[in-house]
């Protein structure tokens, strides 16, 4: 029998968060505790876990922790049992723990490759399986939220292994969601895909490039992703992408991979190179936990404090209402500007429709009328030239013999008339040639339109 999950308000939930002492996990833990949730923190550094738990408890929050590596299924299962013993179970499980490697795939050892997948992929698998077994038996069920990445849709060079692991997380999350739907289990499975985020992620990653690295712009604040995660904890949400530019890049990659891949190969590495900083070696967190304190962010020069795409996904009613208002405004603008007869849009559509071209005067006729006007103007000019010549003859009669002046004037008039006639004939002939070419083009367009209409009729 199918049971729908009943997601509780945050103030009535117990939430498990892996990777809770840094970046997105830290931002999520702090905001969940402020909302009144019981938070159970899982990470590898006991020092940071203890400091964070004391911070939350000092502010009146309810918190507990367990030291565990998400790659170790038994240790993670023991942490879940501790949460159940302390809080009576949990309602939401957030798989956030992750590590990364900057560098070419061929220069990465297989040991490092496996370790990255142990954390990023198998950590999600271990946490999800433990959470599913618990939530299936819990009254009202609950939610599993897996933190993926937009790199699962459009991989970047230099982060190839990380992108591959997040692509695996995306596939696993979608498959698990389908299985829960098929079984009718009261478990909601969500995927949150952040773009570049202002976190210590580049410092905690193993860097094989020999250069300082950074997340490419635009960069979003960690709390933006935390808000999306907590929204999934209380709302039935399939997937949320944080970062509209990453969605545009993913869509471009999906539609034109043959164009996108050479561009990413050429410009991807330079986009992640930090030219403002010198290369420094950090103690990466690939195998051992980092002991650099509790940091949500590292303060990029430009950090976006919201994501319109994520907000639209989290508030579909407001988004739909806004789009409806825009559509109504457009319809009102069309109706208010409509006059007697066809509207501007209809006139434009009729003008570009080849089927209506035959109803309009042909371009050949228009050119013919234009050349007629040119010839008439030329003849008028020749007449005026003859009159001017006559006046000149009258004025110069006293200075020159009358016979020579009259002969010259007649010769000038004849030359002007002949030139005007030749100009008119030349223009008329070329107008006919141009009109013939335009007529052929019009006929071809009309035949094409008729053929298209015939095919549409056959399809219907």
Foldseek 3Di string as FASTA:
>chain_A
DADAFAFDQLLPFEEEAEPLQWALNVLLVQVSQVSNHEYEYEYADPVSQVVSCVVSVVVVGHYYYAYDQLLDLVSVLVSQVVCCVVPVGGAEYELDDAAFEFDAPVPDDVVLLVLRLSRLPVSLVSRVVSLQVRQQPDVSRHEYEYEAALLCLPPFHRGNSNNVSSVNVVVVQVVVQVVCVVVSGNYAYAYEHEYAEFICRQQQYHYPPQARWGGFPPYAYSNQSSVLRSLVRNDRHHYAYFAPVSVVLSVCCVVCVVVSVVVSVVCRVVRTGDPVDGDDHHNHPSPHDDDPHRYNGDCDVDYDHYGPRRVCRSCVPVVVVVVVVVVVVVVVVQVVQDDPDDGPVVVVVLVPQLQNPVVDDFQLVVLLVVLVVQLVVLLVVLVVLLVVLVVVLVVCVVVDPNVVSVVVSVVSSVVSNVVSVVSSVVSNVVSNVVRVVSVVVSVVSNVVVVVVVVVVVVVD
